[in-house]
Every structure is written in C-alpha cells, then in structure tokens.
Protein backbone atom coordinates (compact mmCIF):
# COMPACT_ATOMS: atom_id res chain seq x y z
CA MET A 1 -3.50 6.05 -15.86
CA VAL A 2 -1.88 5.30 -12.61
CA SER A 3 1.54 4.84 -14.15
CA THR A 4 4.12 3.91 -16.83
CA SER A 5 7.30 3.40 -17.66
CA THR A 6 8.90 6.40 -17.44
CA ARG A 7 7.67 7.12 -14.06
CA THR A 8 10.96 6.96 -11.50
CA PRO A 9 11.17 3.62 -9.12
CA PRO A 10 9.58 4.76 -5.88
CA LYS A 11 11.36 6.67 -3.11
CA GLN A 12 12.81 4.48 -0.63
CA PRO A 13 11.32 5.52 2.69
CA ASP A 14 13.44 6.18 5.25
CA ARG A 15 13.29 5.15 9.14
CA HIS A 16 10.64 7.55 10.01
CA THR A 17 8.10 6.48 7.72
CA TYR A 18 7.38 4.40 10.09
CA ALA A 19 7.78 5.86 12.66
CA ILE A 20 5.03 6.95 15.30
CA ASP A 21 6.39 10.17 17.01
CA SER A 22 6.43 11.00 20.90
CA VAL A 23 3.00 11.82 21.20
CA ASN A 24 1.28 8.50 19.42
CA THR A 25 0.23 10.25 16.21
CA PHE A 26 1.54 9.28 12.79
CA PRO A 27 1.64 12.39 10.43
CA PRO A 28 0.17 13.86 8.51
CA LEU A 29 -3.20 14.19 10.56
CA PRO A 30 -6.65 14.57 9.71
CA PRO A 31 -8.35 16.85 7.81
CA PHE A 32 -6.40 16.16 5.25
CA THR A 33 -5.43 18.95 2.79
CA GLU A 34 -4.18 17.72 -1.10
CA GLU A 35 -0.71 18.09 0.09
CA THR A 36 -0.71 15.58 3.19
CA ALA A 37 -3.32 13.61 1.27
CA ARG A 38 -0.51 13.09 -1.64
CA GLN A 39 1.82 12.90 1.41
CA LYS A 40 -0.12 9.73 3.00
CA VAL A 41 -0.58 8.21 -0.51
CA GLN A 42 2.93 8.14 -1.25
CA ALA A 43 3.56 6.91 2.49
CA ALA A 44 2.01 3.54 2.08
CA GLU A 45 3.24 3.41 -1.89
CA ALA A 46 6.77 3.19 -0.11
CA ALA A 47 5.64 0.84 2.70
CA TRP A 48 4.33 -1.41 0.63
CA ASN A 49 6.95 -1.78 -1.91
CA THR A 50 9.16 -2.71 1.18
CA ARG A 51 6.59 -5.92 1.52
CA ILE A 52 7.85 -5.84 5.31
CA PRO A 53 4.24 -6.60 6.84
CA GLU A 54 4.87 -5.90 10.26
CA ARG A 55 6.77 -2.52 9.48
CA VAL A 56 3.04 -1.95 6.63
CA ALA A 57 1.32 -2.86 9.61
CA LEU A 58 2.65 -0.03 11.66
CA ALA A 59 0.18 2.47 9.48
CA TYR A 60 -3.01 0.89 11.04
CA THR A 61 -4.70 0.89 14.60
CA GLU A 62 -4.15 -1.72 16.51
CA ASP A 63 -7.61 -2.70 15.35
CA SER A 64 -8.24 -1.54 12.19
CA GLU A 65 -10.84 -3.04 9.84
CA TRP A 66 -9.61 -3.91 6.54
CA ARG A 67 -12.01 -5.87 3.61
CA ASN A 68 -8.97 -7.36 1.00
CA ARG A 69 -10.69 -8.54 -1.94
CA ALA A 70 -12.54 -11.31 0.10
CA GLU A 71 -11.31 -11.57 3.04
CA PHE A 72 -12.41 -9.15 5.87
CA VAL A 73 -10.25 -8.66 9.42
CA ASN A 74 -9.65 -7.08 12.31
CA GLY A 75 -6.69 -6.10 13.88
CA ARG A 76 -2.52 -5.53 12.87
CA PRO A 77 -1.78 -9.26 13.41
CA ALA A 78 -4.58 -10.82 11.06
CA ILE A 79 -3.29 -7.39 8.84
CA ILE A 80 0.34 -9.10 9.59
CA GLU A 81 -0.70 -12.42 7.98
CA ILE A 82 -2.22 -11.29 5.06
CA LEU A 83 0.18 -9.42 3.88
CA ARG A 84 2.44 -12.41 4.61
CA ARG A 85 0.37 -14.58 2.58
CA LYS A 86 0.17 -12.15 -0.51
CA TRP A 87 4.08 -11.66 -0.65
CA ALA A 88 4.46 -15.03 -0.80
CA ARG A 89 2.42 -16.28 -3.43
CA GLU A 90 2.57 -12.42 -5.40
CA LEU A 91 6.76 -12.64 -6.35
CA ASP A 92 8.22 -9.46 -7.69
CA TYR A 93 5.97 -6.87 -6.33
CA ARG A 94 6.01 -3.24 -8.09
CA LEU A 95 3.34 -1.51 -6.52
CA ARG A 96 1.74 2.53 -7.68
CA LYS A 97 -0.42 4.94 -5.81
CA GLU A 98 -2.81 7.32 -6.62
CA LEU A 99 -4.96 10.12 -4.75
CA TRP A 100 -7.76 9.71 -6.36
CA ALA A 101 -9.82 11.78 -3.98
CA PHE A 102 -10.12 13.32 -0.27
CA ALA A 103 -12.50 14.86 2.39
CA GLY A 104 -12.10 14.87 5.69
CA ASN A 105 -10.40 11.83 7.86
CA ARG A 106 -10.84 10.01 4.23
CA ILE A 107 -8.72 8.92 0.95
CA ALA A 108 -9.60 7.34 -1.49
CA VAL A 109 -6.68 5.71 -4.14
CA ARG A 110 -6.17 4.44 -7.01
CA PHE A 111 -3.56 1.45 -7.64
CA GLU A 112 -2.07 -1.10 -9.63
CA TYR A 113 1.25 -3.13 -8.88
CA GLU A 114 2.34 -6.43 -10.71
CA PHE A 115 3.66 -9.74 -9.75
CA HIS A 116 4.28 -12.90 -11.23
CA ASP A 117 3.45 -16.40 -9.34
CA ASP A 118 5.31 -19.30 -8.72
CA THR A 119 5.36 -20.24 -12.32
CA GLY A 120 6.32 -17.35 -13.51
CA GLN A 121 3.22 -16.20 -14.87
CA TRP A 122 2.93 -12.17 -14.64
CA TYR A 123 -0.35 -10.25 -13.47
CA ARG A 124 -0.86 -6.92 -13.69
CA ALA A 125 -3.50 -5.49 -10.58
CA TYR A 126 -5.89 -2.95 -11.33
CA GLY A 127 -7.94 -1.62 -7.81
CA ASN A 128 -9.44 1.13 -5.51
CA GLU A 129 -8.78 1.33 -1.73
CA ASN A 130 -10.73 3.54 0.36
CA TRP A 131 -9.20 4.86 3.99
CA GLU A 132 -10.68 5.78 6.85
CA PHE A 133 -8.09 7.48 9.68
CA ALA A 134 -8.02 8.08 13.51
CA ALA A 135 -7.30 11.48 14.58
CA ASN A 136 -3.70 10.19 15.15
CA GLY A 137 -3.03 9.52 11.62
CA LEU A 138 -3.41 5.99 12.03
CA MET A 139 -5.30 4.04 9.48
CA GLN A 140 -8.59 2.65 10.98
CA ARG A 141 -10.47 0.90 7.62
CA ARG A 142 -9.08 0.31 4.58
CA PHE A 143 -11.34 -1.45 2.02
CA ALA A 144 -9.41 -2.60 -1.27
CA SER A 145 -11.21 -3.91 -4.16
CA ILE A 146 -9.01 -5.40 -6.71
CA ASN A 147 -9.01 -7.40 -9.91
CA ASP A 148 -6.08 -9.15 -11.75
CA LEU A 149 -5.34 -9.32 -15.22
CA PRO A 150 -2.60 -12.32 -16.60
CA ILE A 151 0.13 -10.02 -19.04
CA ALA A 152 2.77 -11.68 -20.41
CA GLU A 153 6.68 -10.39 -19.01
CA ALA A 154 7.11 -8.05 -22.15
CA GLU A 155 4.14 -6.33 -20.98
CA ARG A 156 5.63 -5.16 -17.61
CA LYS A 157 5.24 -1.24 -16.55
CA PHE A 158 7.30 -1.49 -13.64
CA ARG A 159 11.12 -2.69 -14.07
CA TRP A 160 12.49 -0.59 -11.63
CA GLU A 161 15.15 -2.80 -9.79
CA ARG A 162 14.06 -4.03 -6.11
CA THR A 163 15.83 -3.20 -3.01
CA SER A 164 16.05 -5.63 -0.32
CA ASN A 165 13.20 -6.15 1.73
CA THR A 166 14.85 -7.25 5.18
CA ALA A 167 14.25 -5.26 8.51
C-alpha cells in the first residue's frame, strides 16, 4: 500500500527544496543510490503538496518532456499551465509518493492522491511515474499514468491540515 492515514503529514519543504545551487545543479544528482532516489521522491512529494506550479516547475529542465494522462507537453511554461489547470479543478489536493525502482539517472514512482471537485465529489487517484534526470539533477522526462476512483468523503485517507499554497 502506498500510504495510510497513520502516516505523518508530508514534511513541509524548506526554501532549499526548490533552489538550484551556484553551479546550476539540483541535488541529489544521478546516478542515484537508494538513499538519493528516496530523497528525490520526498522532495517531489513536498513540492507538489505546495500546489505552487512555479515552484514545482523549477525541478524540471527548461525543455522537459511530459506525458500527464493524455496530455503531451514540453517545457516549463507548459508544465506550469498544466499544473495551474490541475489544481484549479483538483481541490484540497493531498499527495503521497513512494519509490518503486531506480537505476542510473531514472526513477520509477508509485503515488496516490486525493482531491475533490467543485461539486464536492471526492476522488483518489492512483498512478505511476517514470522520471529521467539530466546530469545536473533536473528532471528532463516525466511520464505519468493516472486513474481516478470516486470515493465518499468518509473513505479519505489523507486528512492532514493543509498549509497555505502562497509563494
């Protein structure tokens, strides 16, 4: 199981979570060990839980290639637009990511998240992501497959308090 209600809320990222260092790298860098792959997954979970598209996009190369559900886009501006649309319709979004596999400059992730739409219907989304990183640690390719399951509010697993999603 990816997560349960007994797991603590995700750690809030500090200001360094989104920082590219002075030599234009985004550590940890490939090739990944189990420890550094888990660090990348945790950083991604923390960033996505902020729901700030501009911050999330900093983890991707300028020309990053994405497949998100049935959308195929390239570049940070397109990624920011997808995320803005996503979080405008996926309200009270809460995400968990789990390392599935890693090798070299690639990481595979399982995830689940919950949200409700503007009618109040709750959903749990399940999915897998395949990530490929450039030598500087920025993600250059992200391929996500996602399935949504309608759930009752009482079936929610992720009930931690939300923090502000302001920059």
